[in-house]
Amino acid sequence: MSYISKVISGKCPNCGKEHIFHDKGNPITFKMPKMTKECGSCGYNFHRETGFYFGAMYMSYALTVAEMITVMVLRLILNYLFDLNITMLHAFIAIVFVIFIMWTFNYRLSRVMWLNLFYKKDEQ
């Protein structure tokens, strides 16, 4: 499996059978996603060491910035194509809404990306 397919599936980087997160969380109720401690099939430990996922915070930041840039580009396209008057205040509100809706997705995706980035087959 390639890195991208492992990240998109969100499954164990070792065997690819079990999901890394057993609870996806809910942005509306502020419920955090929950990771399993290890894979039920192969026993691969998802909690590598203390502070391992600290770097995933930077990946989450990069995802958030990409989402903000996407909203701003969409604002420019809509203003140009449809001659809409979307102000910066409207764009700011849209950015806050997108970030609020996507925070659990960013959290899960950044941790899965970070885990797969440092995966080695011989770590068992």
PDB file of N, CA and C in Angstrom:
ATOM      1  N   MET A   1       0.837  -1.190   0.000  1.00  0.00           N
ATOM      2  CA  MET A   1       0.000   0.000   0.000  1.00  0.00           C
ATOM      3  C   MET A   1       0.876   1.245   0.000  1.00  0.00           C
ATOM      4  N   SER A   2       0.423   2.253  -0.687  1.00  0.00           N
ATOM      5  CA  SER A   2       1.164   3.506  -0.721  1.00  0.00           C
ATOM      6  C   SER A   2       0.821   4.342   0.510  1.00  0.00           C
ATOM      7  N   TYR A   3       1.626   5.376   0.743  1.00  0.00           N
ATOM      8  CA  TYR A   3       1.421   6.259   1.896  1.00  0.00           C
ATOM      9  C   TYR A   3       0.043   6.906   1.844  1.00  0.00           C
ATOM     10  N   ILE A   4      -0.354   7.381   0.683  1.00  0.00           N
ATOM     11  CA  ILE A   4      -1.637   8.090   0.545  1.00  0.00           C
ATOM     12  C   ILE A   4      -2.809   7.147   0.805  1.00  0.00           C
ATOM     13  N   SER A   5      -2.747   5.932   0.283  1.00  0.00           N
ATOM     14  CA  SER A   5      -3.849   4.991   0.514  1.00  0.00           C
ATOM     15  C   SER A   5      -3.924   4.574   1.984  1.00  0.00           C
ATOM     16  N   LYS A   6      -2.781   4.482   2.665  1.00  0.00           N
ATOM     17  CA  LYS A   6      -2.785   4.166   4.099  1.00  0.00           C
ATOM     18  C   LYS A   6      -3.414   5.299   4.902  1.00  0.00           C
ATOM     19  N   VAL A   7      -3.085   6.539   4.545  1.00  0.00           N
ATOM     20  CA  VAL A   7      -3.626   7.692   5.268  1.00  0.00           C
ATOM     21  C   VAL A   7      -5.127   7.815   5.028  1.00  0.00           C
ATOM     22  N   ILE A   8      -5.562   7.651   3.797  1.00  0.00           N
ATOM     23  CA  ILE A   8      -6.985   7.795   3.479  1.00  0.00           C
ATOM     24  C   ILE A   8      -7.815   6.710   4.152  1.00  0.00           C
ATOM     25  N   SER A   9      -7.290   5.495   4.210  1.00  0.00           N
ATOM     26  CA  SER A   9      -8.055   4.409   4.837  1.00  0.00           C
ATOM     27  C   SER A   9      -8.150   4.581   6.350  1.00  0.00           C
ATOM     28  N   GLY A  10      -7.130   5.186   6.971  1.00  0.00           N
ATOM     29  CA  GLY A  10      -7.135   5.390   8.417  1.00  0.00           C
ATOM     30  C   GLY A  10      -6.986   4.108   9.201  1.00  0.00           C
ATOM     31  N   LYS A  11      -6.370   3.119   8.587  1.00  0.00           N
ATOM     32  CA  LYS A  11      -6.211   1.825   9.237  1.00  0.00           C
ATOM     33  C   LYS A  11      -4.766   1.626   9.677  1.00  0.00           C
ATOM     34  N   CYS A  12      -4.545   0.540  10.377  1.00  0.00           N
ATOM     35  CA  CYS A  12      -3.226   0.204  10.918  1.00  0.00           C
ATOM     36  C   CYS A  12      -2.173   0.234   9.807  1.00  0.00           C
ATOM     37  N   PRO A  13      -1.047   0.933  10.027  1.00  0.00           N
ATOM     38  CA  PRO A  13      -0.013   0.969   8.989  1.00  0.00           C
ATOM     39  C   PRO A  13       0.706  -0.368   8.818  1.00  0.00           C
ATOM     40  N   ASN A  14       0.595  -1.239   9.801  1.00  0.00           N
ATOM     41  CA  ASN A  14       1.294  -2.518   9.741  1.00  0.00           C
ATOM     42  C   ASN A  14       0.508  -3.567   8.958  1.00  0.00           C
ATOM     43  N   CYS A  15      -0.755  -3.803   9.357  1.00  0.00           N
ATOM     44  CA  CYS A  15      -1.545  -4.848   8.701  1.00  0.00           C
ATOM     45  C   CYS A  15      -2.657  -4.301   7.817  1.00  0.00           C
ATOM     46  N   GLY A  16      -3.126  -3.087   8.088  1.00  0.00           N
ATOM     47  CA  GLY A  16      -4.178  -2.469   7.286  1.00  0.00           C
ATOM     48  C   GLY A  16      -5.569  -3.018   7.549  1.00  0.00           C
ATOM     49  N   LYS A  17      -5.765  -3.681   8.688  1.00  0.00           N
ATOM     50  CA  LYS A  17      -7.076  -4.292   8.970  1.00  0.00           C
ATOM     51  C   LYS A  17      -7.918  -3.483   9.946  1.00  0.00           C
ATOM     52  N   GLU A  18      -7.341  -3.021  11.030  1.00  0.00           N
ATOM     53  CA  GLU A  18      -8.088  -2.322  12.071  1.00  0.00           C
ATOM     54  C   GLU A  18      -7.967  -0.809  11.911  1.00  0.00           C
ATOM     55  N   HIS A  19      -9.025  -0.088  12.298  1.00  0.00           N
ATOM     56  CA  HIS A  19      -9.004   1.373  12.260  1.00  0.00           C
ATOM     57  C   HIS A  19      -8.185   1.922  13.426  1.00  0.00           C
ATOM     58  N   ILE A  20      -7.486   3.021  13.195  1.00  0.00           N
ATOM     59  CA  ILE A  20      -6.681   3.662  14.234  1.00  0.00           C
ATOM     60  C   ILE A  20      -7.587   4.368  15.241  1.00  0.00           C
ATOM     61  N   PHE A  21      -8.651   4.988  14.771  1.00  0.00           N
ATOM     62  CA  PHE A  21      -9.598   5.684  15.641  1.00  0.00           C
ATOM     63  C   PHE A  21     -10.864   4.849  15.766  1.00  0.00           C
ATOM     64  N   HIS A  22     -11.282   4.559  17.004  1.00  0.00           N
ATOM     65  CA  HIS A  22     -12.526   3.823  17.211  1.00  0.00           C
ATOM     66  C   HIS A  22     -13.700   4.774  17.412  1.00  0.00           C
ATOM     67  N   ASP A  23     -13.443   6.067  17.612  1.00  0.00           N
ATOM     68  CA  ASP A  23     -14.498   7.070  17.739  1.00  0.00           C
ATOM     69  C   ASP A  23     -14.063   8.292  16.944  1.00  0.00           C
ATOM     70  N   LYS A  24     -14.879   8.721  15.999  1.00  0.00           N
ATOM     71  CA  LYS A  24     -14.493   9.821  15.123  1.00  0.00           C
ATOM     72  C   LYS A  24     -14.694  11.199  15.731  1.00  0.00           C
ATOM     73  N   GLY A  25     -15.364  11.290  16.863  1.00  0.00           N
ATOM     74  CA  GLY A  25     -15.592  12.592  17.482  1.00  0.00           C
ATOM     75  C   GLY A  25     -16.735  13.336  16.825  1.00  0.00           C
ATOM     76  N   ASN A  26     -17.065  14.494  17.419  1.00  0.00           N
ATOM     77  CA  ASN A  26     -18.161  15.305  16.912  1.00  0.00           C
ATOM     78  C   ASN A  26     -17.820  16.774  17.141  1.00  0.00           C
ATOM     79  N   PRO A  27     -17.680  17.565  16.070  1.00  0.00           N
ATOM     80  CA  PRO A  27     -17.311  18.970  16.255  1.00  0.00           C
ATOM     81  C   PRO A  27     -18.408  19.806  16.910  1.00  0.00           C
ATOM     82  N   ILE A  28     -19.660  19.408  16.758  1.00  0.00           N
ATOM     83  CA  ILE A  28     -20.764  20.174  17.317  1.00  0.00           C
ATOM     84  C   ILE A  28     -20.790  20.065  18.846  1.00  0.00           C
ATOM     85  N   THR A  29     -20.569  18.865  19.369  1.00  0.00           N
ATOM     86  CA  THR A  29     -20.599  18.643  20.815  1.00  0.00           C
ATOM     87  C   THR A  29     -19.208  18.703  21.444  1.00  0.00           C
ATOM     88  N   PHE A  30     -18.210  19.084  20.668  1.00  0.00           N
ATOM     89  CA  PHE A  30     -16.819  19.183  21.124  1.00  0.00           C
ATOM     90  C   PHE A  30     -16.296  17.843  21.653  1.00  0.00           C
ATOM     91  N   LYS A  31     -16.704  16.761  21.035  1.00  0.00           N
ATOM     92  CA  LYS A  31     -16.259  15.432  21.433  1.00  0.00           C
ATOM     93  C   LYS A  31     -14.998  15.074  20.647  1.00  0.00           C
ATOM     94  N   MET A  32     -13.919  14.818  21.376  1.00  0.00           N
ATOM     95  CA  MET A  32     -12.626  14.506  20.756  1.00  0.00           C
ATOM     96  C   MET A  32     -12.643  13.100  20.159  1.00  0.00           C
ATOM     97  N   PRO A  33     -11.965  12.899  19.019  1.00  0.00           N
ATOM     98  CA  PRO A  33     -11.806  11.545  18.488  1.00  0.00           C
ATOM     99  C   PRO A  33     -10.954  10.704  19.440  1.00  0.00           C
ATOM    100  N   LYS A  34     -11.235   9.404  19.501  1.00  0.00           N
ATOM    101  CA  LYS A  34     -10.523   8.504  20.400  1.00  0.00           C
ATOM    102  C   LYS A  34      -9.715   7.487  19.588  1.00  0.00           C
ATOM    103  N   MET A  35      -8.439   7.399  19.929  1.00  0.00           N
ATOM    104  CA  MET A  35      -7.555   6.421  19.293  1.00  0.00           C
ATOM    105  C   MET A  35      -7.560   5.122  20.088  1.00  0.00           C
ATOM    106  N   THR A  36      -7.396   4.011  19.376  1.00  0.00           N
ATOM    107  CA  THR A  36      -7.169   2.755  20.073  1.00  0.00           C
ATOM    108  C   THR A  36      -5.698   2.678  20.456  1.00  0.00           C
ATOM    109  N   LYS A  37      -5.393   1.921  21.490  1.00  0.00           N
ATOM    110  CA  LYS A  37      -4.002   1.840  21.962  1.00  0.00           C
ATOM    111  C   LYS A  37      -3.139   1.001  21.036  1.00  0.00           C
ATOM    112  N   GLU A  38      -3.707  -0.078  20.521  1.00  0.00           N
ATOM    113  CA  GLU A  38      -2.955  -0.939  19.604  1.00  0.00           C
ATOM    114  C   GLU A  38      -3.917  -1.639  18.663  1.00  0.00           C
ATOM    115  N   CYS A  39      -3.353  -2.156  17.609  1.00  0.00           N
ATOM    116  CA  CYS A  39      -4.150  -2.850  16.599  1.00  0.00           C
ATOM    117  C   CYS A  39      -4.652  -4.169  17.169  1.00  0.00           C
ATOM    118  N   GLY A  40      -5.914  -4.473  16.956  1.00  0.00           N
ATOM    119  CA  GLY A  40      -6.488  -5.721  17.435  1.00  0.00           C
ATOM    120  C   GLY A  40      -6.027  -6.928  16.645  1.00  0.00           C
ATOM    121  N   SER A  41      -5.587  -6.724  15.411  1.00  0.00           N
ATOM    122  CA  SER A  41      -5.163  -7.846  14.568  1.00  0.00           C
ATOM    123  C   SER A  41      -3.695  -8.209  14.763  1.00  0.00           C
ATOM    124  N   CYS A  42      -2.819  -7.205  14.664  1.00  0.00           N
ATOM    125  CA  CYS A  42      -1.379  -7.505  14.695  1.00  0.00           C
ATOM    126  C   CYS A  42      -0.682  -7.017  15.965  1.00  0.00           C
ATOM    127  N   GLY A  43      -1.361  -6.231  16.803  1.00  0.00           N
ATOM    128  CA  GLY A  43      -0.759  -5.761  18.044  1.00  0.00           C
ATOM    129  C   GLY A  43       0.164  -4.567  17.892  1.00  0.00           C
ATOM    130  N   TYR A  44       0.123  -3.903  16.742  1.00  0.00           N
ATOM    131  CA  TYR A  44       0.972  -2.732  16.512  1.00  0.00           C
ATOM    132  C   TYR A  44       0.546  -1.605  17.457  1.00  0.00           C
ATOM    133  N   ASN A  45       1.492  -1.025  18.167  1.00  0.00           N
ATOM    134  CA  ASN A  45       1.216   0.016  19.162  1.00  0.00           C
ATOM    135  C   ASN A  45       1.081   1.374  18.471  1.00  0.00           C
ATOM    136  N   PHE A  46      -0.105   1.996  18.601  1.00  0.00           N
ATOM    137  CA  PHE A  46      -0.329   3.308  17.996  1.00  0.00           C
ATOM    138  C   PHE A  46       0.215   4.441  18.861  1.00  0.00           C
ATOM    139  N   HIS A  47       0.399   4.208  20.143  1.00  0.00           N
ATOM    140  CA  HIS A  47       0.968   5.208  21.047  1.00  0.00           C
ATOM    141  C   HIS A  47       2.459   4.918  21.175  1.00  0.00           C
ATOM    142  N   ARG A  48       3.221   5.454  20.248  1.00  0.00           N
ATOM    143  CA  ARG A  48       4.633   5.117  20.120  1.00  0.00           C
ATOM    144  C   ARG A  48       5.429   5.492  21.368  1.00  0.00           C
ATOM    145  N   GLU A  49       5.356   6.725  21.790  1.00  0.00           N
ATOM    146  CA  GLU A  49       6.082   7.210  22.972  1.00  0.00           C
ATOM    147  C   GLU A  49       5.444   8.516  23.411  1.00  0.00           C
ATOM    148  N   THR A  50       5.821   8.984  24.586  1.00  0.00           N
ATOM    149  CA  THR A  50       5.282  10.249  25.081  1.00  0.00           C
ATOM    150  C   THR A  50       5.707  11.386  24.162  1.00  0.00           C
ATOM    151  N   GLY A  51       4.753  12.177  23.726  1.00  0.00           N
ATOM    152  CA  GLY A  51       5.045  13.313  22.854  1.00  0.00           C
ATOM    153  C   GLY A  51       5.217  12.955  21.391  1.00  0.00           C
ATOM    154  N   PHE A  52       4.923  11.717  21.013  1.00  0.00           N
ATOM    155  CA  PHE A  52       5.113  11.300  19.617  1.00  0.00           C
ATOM    156  C   PHE A  52       4.248  12.125  18.668  1.00  0.00           C
ATOM    157  N   TYR A  53       3.019  12.412  19.058  1.00  0.00           N
ATOM    158  CA  TYR A  53       2.090  13.117  18.172  1.00  0.00           C
ATOM    159  C   TYR A  53       2.210  14.636  18.254  1.00  0.00           C
ATOM    160  N   PHE A  54       3.231  15.118  18.912  1.00  0.00           N
ATOM    161  CA  PHE A  54       3.449  16.563  18.974  1.00  0.00           C
ATOM    162  C   PHE A  54       3.664  17.135  17.571  1.00  0.00           C
ATOM    163  N   GLY A  55       4.358  16.418  16.732  1.00  0.00           N
ATOM    164  CA  GLY A  55       4.584  16.861  15.352  1.00  0.00           C
ATOM    165  C   GLY A  55       3.322  16.862  14.517  1.00  0.00           C
ATOM    166  N   ALA A  56       2.336  16.050  14.904  1.00  0.00           N
ATOM    167  CA  ALA A  56       1.069  16.030  14.168  1.00  0.00           C
ATOM    168  C   ALA A  56       0.344  17.359  14.302  1.00  0.00           C
ATOM    169  N   MET A  57       0.668  18.100  15.360  1.00  0.00           N
ATOM    170  CA  MET A  57       0.076  19.419  15.549  1.00  0.00           C
ATOM    171  C   MET A  57       0.454  20.343  14.386  1.00  0.00           C
ATOM    172  N   TYR A  58       1.678  20.232  13.907  1.00  0.00           N
ATOM    173  CA  TYR A  58       2.115  21.060  12.780  1.00  0.00           C
ATOM    174  C   TYR A  58       1.425  20.638  11.490  1.00  0.00           C
ATOM    175  N   MET A  59       1.182  19.341  11.341  1.00  0.00           N
ATOM    176  CA  MET A  59       0.442  18.873  10.167  1.00  0.00           C
ATOM    177  C   MET A  59      -0.998  19.377  10.213  1.00  0.00           C
ATOM    178  N   SER A  60      -1.597  19.377  11.395  1.00  0.00           N
ATOM    179  CA  SER A  60      -2.950  19.901  11.549  1.00  0.00           C
ATOM    180  C   SER A  60      -2.990  21.392  11.220  1.00  0.00           C
ATOM    181  N   TYR A  61      -1.959  22.106  11.642  1.00  0.00           N
ATOM    182  CA  TYR A  61      -1.860  23.531  11.320  1.00  0.00           C
ATOM    183  C   TYR A  61      -1.782  23.741   9.808  1.00  0.00           C
ATOM    184  N   ALA A  62      -0.996  22.924   9.127  1.00  0.00           N
ATOM    185  CA  ALA A  62      -0.870  23.033   7.669  1.00  0.00           C
ATOM    186  C   ALA A  62      -2.206  22.739   6.983  1.00  0.00           C
ATOM    187  N   LEU A  63      -2.932  21.747   7.476  1.00  0.00           N
ATOM    188  CA  LEU A  63      -4.256  21.451   6.913  1.00  0.00           C
ATOM    189  C   LEU A  63      -5.210  22.624   7.105  1.00  0.00           C
ATOM    190  N   THR A  64      -5.173  23.237   8.281  1.00  0.00           N
ATOM    191  CA  THR A  64      -6.039  24.377   8.577  1.00  0.00           C
ATOM    192  C   THR A  64      -5.706  25.562   7.682  1.00  0.00           C
ATOM    193  N   VAL A  65      -4.427  25.831   7.487  1.00  0.00           N
ATOM    194  CA  VAL A  65      -4.021  26.926   6.606  1.00  0.00           C
ATOM    195  C   VAL A  65      -4.474  26.646   5.172  1.00  0.00           C
ATOM    196  N   ALA A  66      -4.362  25.405   4.721  1.00  0.00           N
ATOM    197  CA  ALA A  66      -4.821  25.051   3.371  1.00  0.00           C
ATOM    198  C   ALA A  66      -6.325  25.274   3.233  1.00  0.00           C
ATOM    199  N   GLU A  67      -7.076  24.964   4.270  1.00  0.00           N
ATOM    200  CA  GLU A  67      -8.521  25.203   4.237  1.00  0.00           C
ATOM    201  C   GLU A  67      -8.828  26.700   4.191  1.00  0.00           C
ATOM    202  N   MET A  68      -8.074  27.501   4.945  1.00  0.00           N
ATOM    203  CA  MET A  68      -8.288  28.954   4.924  1.00  0.00           C
ATOM    204  C   MET A  68      -7.977  29.527   3.544  1.00  0.00           C
ATOM    205  N   ILE A  69      -6.895  29.085   2.959  1.00  0.00           N
ATOM    206  CA  ILE A  69      -6.524  29.565   1.624  1.00  0.00           C
ATOM    207  C   ILE A  69      -7.590  29.165   0.609  1.00  0.00           C
ATOM    208  N   THR A  70      -8.130  27.957   0.739  1.00  0.00           N
ATOM    209  CA  THR A  70      -9.182  27.501  -0.167  1.00  0.00           C
ATOM    210  C   THR A  70     -10.418  28.389  -0.067  1.00  0.00           C
ATOM    211  N   VAL A  71     -10.798  28.762   1.133  1.00  0.00           N
ATOM    212  CA  VAL A  71     -11.960  29.649   1.312  1.00  0.00           C
ATOM    213  C   VAL A  71     -11.689  31.009   0.676  1.00  0.00           C
ATOM    214  N   MET A  72     -10.491  31.538   0.863  1.00  0.00           N
ATOM    215  CA  MET A  72     -10.166  32.848   0.278  1.00  0.00           C
ATOM    216  C   MET A  72     -10.134  32.799  -1.250  1.00  0.00           C
ATOM    217  N   VAL A  73      -9.582  31.729  -1.819  1.00  0.00           N
ATOM    218  CA  VAL A  73      -9.559  31.585  -3.279  1.00  0.00           C
ATOM    219  C   VAL A  73     -10.984  31.436  -3.806  1.00  0.00           C
ATOM    220  N   LEU A  74     -11.793  30.669  -3.107  1.00  0.00           N
ATOM    221  CA  LEU A  74     -13.194  30.527  -3.503  1.00  0.00           C
ATOM    222  C   LEU A  74     -13.910  31.870  -3.464  1.00  0.00           C
ATOM    223  N   ARG A  75     -13.612  32.685  -2.455  1.00  0.00           N
ATOM    224  CA  ARG A  75     -14.189  34.032  -2.365  1.00  0.00           C
ATOM    225  C   ARG A  75     -13.806  34.866  -3.584  1.00  0.00           C
ATOM    226  N   LEU A  76     -12.536  34.817  -3.964  1.00  0.00           N
ATOM    227  CA  LEU A  76     -12.088  35.585  -5.134  1.00  0.00           C
ATOM    228  C   LEU A  76     -12.751  35.093  -6.413  1.00  0.00           C
ATOM    229  N   ILE A  77     -12.875  33.784  -6.558  1.00  0.00           N
ATOM    230  CA  ILE A  77     -13.513  33.228  -7.750  1.00  0.00           C
ATOM    231  C   ILE A  77     -14.976  33.640  -7.819  1.00  0.00           C
ATOM    232  N   LEU A  78     -15.678  33.541  -6.701  1.00  0.00           N
ATOM    233  CA  LEU A  78     -17.092  33.934  -6.695  1.00  0.00           C
ATOM    234  C   LEU A  78     -17.266  35.424  -6.966  1.00  0.00           C
ATOM    235  N   ASN A  79     -16.380  36.243  -6.419  1.00  0.00           N
ATOM    236  CA  ASN A  79     -16.451  37.684  -6.690  1.00  0.00           C
ATOM    237  C   ASN A  79     -16.203  37.976  -8.164  1.00  0.00           C
ATOM    238  N   TYR A  80     -15.288  37.262  -8.768  1.00  0.00           N
ATOM    239  CA  TYR A  80     -14.937  37.516 -10.167  1.00  0.00           C
ATOM    240  C   TYR A  80     -15.983  36.964 -11.131  1.00  0.00           C
ATOM    241  N   LEU A  81     -16.399  35.712 -10.943  1.00  0.00           N
ATOM    242  CA  LEU A  81     -17.304  35.070 -11.893  1.00  0.00           C
ATOM    243  C   LEU A  81     -18.737  35.584 -11.800  1.00  0.00           C
ATOM    244  N   PHE A  82     -19.231  35.754 -10.577  1.00  0.00           N
ATOM    245  CA  PHE A  82     -20.634  36.098 -10.393  1.00  0.00           C
ATOM    246  C   PHE A  82     -20.847  37.534  -9.942  1.00  0.00           C
ATOM    247  N   ASP A  83     -19.782  38.295  -9.882  1.00  0.00           N
ATOM    248  CA  ASP A  83     -19.832  39.698  -9.490  1.00  0.00           C
ATOM    249  C   ASP A  83     -20.548  39.877  -8.142  1.00  0.00           C
ATOM    250  N   LEU A  84     -20.224  38.958  -7.222  1.00  0.00           N
ATOM    251  CA  LEU A  84     -20.785  39.050  -5.879  1.00  0.00           C
ATOM    252  C   LEU A  84     -19.929  39.986  -5.040  1.00  0.00           C
ATOM    253  N   ASN A  85     -20.520  40.567  -4.056  1.00  0.00           N
ATOM    254  CA  ASN A  85     -19.794  41.461  -3.175  1.00  0.00           C
ATOM    255  C   ASN A  85     -19.551  40.751  -1.837  1.00  0.00           C
ATOM    256  N   ILE A  86     -18.666  39.752  -1.857  1.00  0.00           N
ATOM    257  CA  ILE A  86     -18.330  39.012  -0.647  1.00  0.00           C
ATOM    258  C   ILE A  86     -17.194  39.748   0.045  1.00  0.00           C
ATOM    259  N   THR A  87     -17.493  40.332   1.178  1.00  0.00           N
ATOM    260  CA  THR A  87     -16.499  41.138   1.883  1.00  0.00           C
ATOM    261  C   THR A  87     -15.567  40.242   2.697  1.00  0.00           C
ATOM    262  N   MET A  88     -14.549  40.868   3.275  1.00  0.00           N
ATOM    263  CA  MET A  88     -13.608  40.128   4.115  1.00  0.00           C
ATOM    264  C   MET A  88     -14.298  39.624   5.381  1.00  0.00           C
ATOM    265  N   LEU A  89     -15.292  40.347   5.854  1.00  0.00           N
ATOM    266  CA  LEU A  89     -16.040  39.885   7.025  1.00  0.00           C
ATOM    267  C   LEU A  89     -16.769  38.589   6.709  1.00  0.00           C
ATOM    268  N   HIS A  90     -17.397  38.526   5.542  1.00  0.00           N
ATOM    269  CA  HIS A  90     -18.066  37.294   5.124  1.00  0.00           C
ATOM    270  C   HIS A  90     -17.055  36.163   4.982  1.00  0.00           C
ATOM    271  N   ALA A  91     -15.898  36.462   4.425  1.00  0.00           N
ATOM    272  CA  ALA A  91     -14.859  35.447   4.263  1.00  0.00           C
ATOM    273  C   ALA A  91     -14.350  34.974   5.619  1.00  0.00           C
ATOM    274  N   PHE A  92     -14.198  35.897   6.563  1.00  0.00           N
ATOM    275  CA  PHE A  92     -13.753  35.529   7.909  1.00  0.00           C
ATOM    276  C   PHE A  92     -14.763  34.608   8.584  1.00  0.00           C
ATOM    277  N   ILE A  93     -16.029  34.926   8.453  1.00  0.00           N
ATOM    278  CA  ILE A  93     -17.083  34.088   9.034  1.00  0.00           C
ATOM    279  C   ILE A  93     -17.068  32.705   8.385  1.00  0.00           C
ATOM    280  N   ALA A  94     -16.885  32.660   7.077  1.00  0.00           N
ATOM    281  CA  ALA A  94     -16.806  31.373   6.375  1.00  0.00           C
ATOM    282  C   ALA A  94     -15.600  30.561   6.848  1.00  0.00           C
ATOM    283  N   ILE A  95     -14.460  31.228   7.048  1.00  0.00           N
ATOM    284  CA  ILE A  95     -13.257  30.536   7.522  1.00  0.00           C
ATOM    285  C   ILE A  95     -13.484  29.962   8.912  1.00  0.00           C
ATOM    286  N   VAL A  96     -14.076  30.739   9.800  1.00  0.00           N
ATOM    287  CA  VAL A  96     -14.346  30.251  11.162  1.00  0.00           C
ATOM    288  C   VAL A  96     -15.302  29.062  11.118  1.00  0.00           C
ATOM    289  N   PHE A  97     -16.309  29.123  10.267  1.00  0.00           N
ATOM    290  CA  PHE A  97     -17.258  28.024  10.125  1.00  0.00           C
ATOM    291  C   PHE A  97     -16.559  26.766   9.613  1.00  0.00           C
ATOM    292  N   VAL A  98     -15.734  26.903   8.586  1.00  0.00           N
ATOM    293  CA  VAL A  98     -15.024  25.749   8.021  1.00  0.00           C
ATOM    294  C   VAL A  98     -14.083  25.141   9.058  1.00  0.00           C
ATOM    295  N   ILE A  99     -13.353  25.965   9.772  1.00  0.00           N
ATOM    296  CA  ILE A  99     -12.432  25.460  10.792  1.00  0.00           C
ATOM    297  C   ILE A  99     -13.200  24.747  11.901  1.00  0.00           C
ATOM    298  N   PHE A 100     -14.333  25.297  12.301  1.00  0.00           N
ATOM    299  CA  PHE A 100     -15.148  24.676  13.344  1.00  0.00           C
ATOM    300  C   PHE A 100     -15.661  23.307  12.909  1.00  0.00           C
ATOM    301  N   ILE A 101     -16.083  23.199  11.674  1.00  0.00           N
ATOM    302  CA  ILE A 101     -16.610  21.933  11.171  1.00  0.00           C
ATOM    303  C   ILE A 101     -15.500  20.901  10.942  1.00  0.00           C
ATOM    304  N   MET A 102     -14.317  21.342  10.544  1.00  0.00           N
ATOM    305  CA  MET A 102     -13.254  20.424  10.132  1.00  0.00           C
ATOM    306  C   MET A 102     -12.256  20.055  11.227  1.00  0.00           C
ATOM    307  N   TRP A 103     -12.396  20.552  12.456  1.00  0.00           N
ATOM    308  CA  TRP A 103     -11.333  20.338  13.438  1.00  0.00           C
ATOM    309  C   TRP A 103     -11.150  18.871  13.811  1.00  0.00           C
ATOM    310  N   THR A 104     -12.231  18.091  13.915  1.00  0.00           N
ATOM    311  CA  THR A 104     -12.058  16.679  14.247  1.00  0.00           C
ATOM    312  C   THR A 104     -11.429  15.914  13.088  1.00  0.00           C
ATOM    313  N   PHE A 105     -11.815  16.268  11.866  1.00  0.00           N
ATOM    314  CA  PHE A 105     -11.218  15.642  10.686  1.00  0.00           C
ATOM    315  C   PHE A 105      -9.723  15.951  10.617  1.00  0.00           C
ATOM    316  N   ASN A 106      -9.343  17.206  10.856  1.00  0.00           N
ATOM    317  CA  ASN A 106      -7.928  17.585  10.837  1.00  0.00           C
ATOM    318  C   ASN A 106      -7.139  16.850  11.914  1.00  0.00           C
ATOM    319  N   TYR A 107      -7.729  16.725  13.090  1.00  0.00           N
ATOM    320  CA  TYR A 107      -7.080  16.020  14.199  1.00  0.00           C
ATOM    321  C   TYR A 107      -6.789  14.575  13.815  1.00  0.00           C
ATOM    322  N   ARG A 108      -7.808  13.882  13.300  1.00  0.00           N
ATOM    323  CA  ARG A 108      -7.626  12.479  12.912  1.00  0.00           C
ATOM    324  C   ARG A 108      -6.640  12.341  11.759  1.00  0.00           C
ATOM    325  N   LEU A 109      -6.814  13.150  10.730  1.00  0.00           N
ATOM    326  CA  LEU A 109      -5.966  13.035   9.557  1.00  0.00           C
ATOM    327  C   LEU A 109      -4.509  13.338   9.877  1.00  0.00           C
ATOM    328  N   SER A 110      -4.250  14.347  10.681  1.00  0.00           N
ATOM    329  CA  SER A 110      -2.864  14.692  11.005  1.00  0.00           C
ATOM    330  C   SER A 110      -2.196  13.593  11.818  1.00  0.00           C
ATOM    331  N   ARG A 111      -2.924  12.957  12.734  1.00  0.00           N
ATOM    332  CA  ARG A 111      -2.341  11.864  13.514  1.00  0.00           C
ATOM    333  C   ARG A 111      -2.081  10.634  12.650  1.00  0.00           C
ATOM    334  N   VAL A 112      -2.995  10.326  11.746  1.00  0.00           N
ATOM    335  CA  VAL A 112      -2.786   9.193  10.849  1.00  0.00           C
ATOM    336  C   VAL A 112      -1.602   9.472   9.919  1.00  0.00           C
ATOM    337  N   MET A 113      -1.509  10.696   9.414  1.00  0.00           N
ATOM    338  CA  MET A 113      -0.374  11.064   8.555  1.00  0.00           C
ATOM    339  C   MET A 113       0.940  10.938   9.318  1.00  0.00           C
ATOM    340  N   TRP A 114       0.973  11.420  10.548  1.00  0.00           N
ATOM    341  CA  TRP A 114       2.192  11.394  11.353  1.00  0.00           C
ATOM    342  C   TRP A 114       2.601   9.952  11.675  1.00  0.00           C
ATOM    343  N   LEU A 115       1.629   9.117  12.025  1.00  0.00           N
ATOM    344  CA  LEU A 115       1.925   7.721  12.344  1.00  0.00           C
ATOM    345  C   LEU A 115       2.471   6.990  11.127  1.00  0.00           C
ATOM    346  N   ASN A 116       1.870   7.215   9.962  1.00  0.00           N
ATOM    347  CA  ASN A 116       2.325   6.554   8.749  1.00  0.00           C
ATOM    348  C   ASN A 116       3.654   7.111   8.243  1.00  0.00           C
ATOM    349  N   LEU A 117       3.933   8.368   8.567  1.00  0.00           N
ATOM    350  CA  LEU A 117       5.189   8.973   8.135  1.00  0.00           C
ATOM    351  C   LEU A 117       6.386   8.293   8.803  1.00  0.00           C
ATOM    352  N   PHE A 118       6.218   7.892  10.060  1.00  0.00           N
ATOM    353  CA  PHE A 118       7.317   7.279  10.801  1.00  0.00           C
ATOM    354  C   PHE A 118       7.168   5.771  10.967  1.00  0.00           C
ATOM    355  N   TYR A 119       6.342   5.154  10.146  1.00  0.00           N
ATOM    356  CA  TYR A 119       6.154   3.710  10.218  1.00  0.00           C
ATOM    357  C   TYR A 119       7.319   2.986   9.546  1.00  0.00           C
ATOM    358  N   LYS A 120       7.810   1.951  10.224  1.00  0.00           N
ATOM    359  CA  LYS A 120       8.818   1.058   9.640  1.00  0.00           C
ATOM    360  C   LYS A 120       8.313  -0.354   9.836  1.00  0.00           C
ATOM    361  N   LYS A 121       8.457  -1.171   8.833  1.00  0.00           N
ATOM    362  CA  LYS A 121       7.918  -2.534   8.859  1.00  0.00           C
ATOM    363  C   LYS A 121       8.548  -3.394   9.949  1.00  0.00           C
ATOM    364  N   ASP A 122       9.805  -3.159  10.283  1.00  0.00           N
ATOM    365  CA  ASP A 122      10.514  -4.013  11.240  1.00  0.00           C
ATOM    366  C   ASP A 122      10.403  -3.527  12.685  1.00  0.00           C
ATOM    367  N   GLU A 123       9.410  -2.677  13.010  1.00  0.00           N
ATOM    368  CA  GLU A 123       9.263  -2.156  14.366  1.00  0.00           C
ATOM    369  C   GLU A 123       8.585  -3.127  15.317  1.00  0.00           C
ATOM    370  N   GLN A 124       8.070  -4.207  14.841  1.00  0.00           N
ATOM    371  CA  GLN A 124       7.329  -5.152  15.679  1.00  0.00           C
ATOM    372  C   GLN A 124       8.214  -5.614  16.780  1.00  0.00           C
TER     373      GLN A 124
END
